[in-house]
Amino acid sequence: MRQFDRITVSPPRMNGQPCIRDLRLTVRRVLEALATYPDRAALFAEYPELEEADIEQALAYTRAALDDERTDFRRGREAM
């Protein structure tokens, strides 16, 4: 399993959402910022505390969280 040394989870901080380096900046917010600011220079101007390695780990963490999960939507419809 990959280590995410820049991703922190603490129940009192941001309701336990995964954050970047214990900042009040969630992984989700980093993904939203990437979509809003496709130009990295503008992104770093808006979030000066953010580093390139933070972005890389936020993307890798999200990929790992979504990996290996399979959903069979047909089964859910048949149960209805």
Protein backbone atom coordinates (compact mmCIF):
# COMPACT_ATOMS: atom_id res chain seq x y z
CA MET A 1 0.00 0.00 0.00
CA ARG A 2 1.29 3.42 -0.92
CA GLN A 3 2.16 5.90 1.80
CA PHE A 4 0.54 9.31 1.60
CA ASP A 5 2.75 11.41 3.82
CA ARG A 6 1.11 14.67 2.72
CA ILE A 7 -2.45 13.51 3.35
CA THR A 8 -3.67 13.81 6.93
CA VAL A 9 -6.94 12.79 8.54
CA SER A 10 -7.94 14.14 11.94
CA PRO A 11 -11.54 13.97 13.22
CA PRO A 12 -11.49 17.50 14.71
CA ARG A 13 -10.04 19.08 11.55
CA MET A 14 -12.47 19.60 8.70
CA ASN A 15 -14.80 16.90 10.08
CA GLY A 16 -12.22 14.20 9.44
CA GLN A 17 -11.96 14.82 5.71
CA PRO A 18 -8.56 14.04 4.17
CA CYS A 19 -6.48 17.24 4.17
CA ILE A 20 -3.20 18.38 2.73
CA ARG A 21 -0.38 18.45 5.33
CA ASP A 22 -2.80 19.08 8.21
CA LEU A 23 -3.86 22.37 6.62
CA ARG A 24 -7.49 23.39 6.39
CA LEU A 25 -7.30 22.43 2.73
CA THR A 26 -9.11 19.21 1.85
CA VAL A 27 -8.19 16.82 -0.92
CA ARG A 28 -11.63 17.51 -2.36
CA ARG A 29 -10.91 21.26 -2.46
CA VAL A 30 -7.61 20.61 -4.23
CA LEU A 31 -9.44 18.63 -6.92
CA GLU A 32 -12.03 21.40 -7.27
CA ALA A 33 -9.23 23.99 -7.51
CA LEU A 34 -7.52 21.96 -10.23
CA ALA A 35 -10.73 22.05 -12.24
CA THR A 36 -11.19 25.77 -11.61
CA TYR A 37 -7.56 26.77 -12.24
CA PRO A 38 -6.16 24.60 -15.04
CA ASP A 39 -3.15 26.97 -15.16
CA ARG A 40 -0.92 25.90 -12.28
CA ALA A 41 0.53 29.41 -11.89
CA ALA A 42 -2.96 30.77 -11.18
CA LEU A 43 -3.65 27.85 -8.85
CA PHE A 44 -0.49 28.50 -6.83
CA ALA A 45 -1.26 32.22 -6.74
CA GLU A 46 -4.68 31.46 -5.23
CA TYR A 47 -3.32 28.79 -2.87
CA PRO A 48 0.28 29.81 -2.02
CA GLU A 49 0.56 27.14 0.69
CA LEU A 50 -0.02 24.41 -1.90
CA GLU A 51 2.96 22.62 -3.42
CA GLU A 52 3.23 20.51 -6.57
CA ALA A 53 3.83 17.39 -4.45
CA ASP A 54 0.54 18.11 -2.62
CA ILE A 55 -1.34 18.06 -5.91
CA GLU A 56 0.35 14.84 -7.00
CA GLN A 57 -0.56 13.12 -3.74
CA ALA A 58 -4.13 14.44 -3.77
CA LEU A 59 -4.59 12.91 -7.23
CA ALA A 60 -2.90 9.65 -6.21
CA TYR A 61 -4.96 9.46 -3.00
CA THR A 62 -8.17 9.94 -4.96
CA ARG A 63 -7.11 7.33 -7.50
CA ALA A 64 -6.32 4.87 -4.69
CA ALA A 65 -9.63 5.57 -2.95
CA LEU A 66 -11.55 4.85 -6.14
CA ASP A 67 -9.41 1.94 -7.28
CA ASP A 68 -10.58 -1.66 -7.01
CA GLU A 69 -14.18 -0.69 -6.44
CA ARG A 70 -16.71 -2.22 -8.76
CA THR A 71 -20.36 -1.33 -8.82
CA ASP A 72 -22.96 -3.43 -10.57
CA PHE A 73 -25.82 -1.02 -11.25
CA ARG A 74 -27.99 -3.70 -12.86
CA ARG A 75 -28.26 -5.57 -9.60
CA GLY A 76 -29.54 -2.43 -7.84
CA ARG A 77 -32.26 -1.95 -10.46
CA GLU A 78 -33.42 -5.55 -10.23
CA ALA A 79 -33.84 -5.17 -6.47
CA MET A 80 -36.23 -2.25 -6.94
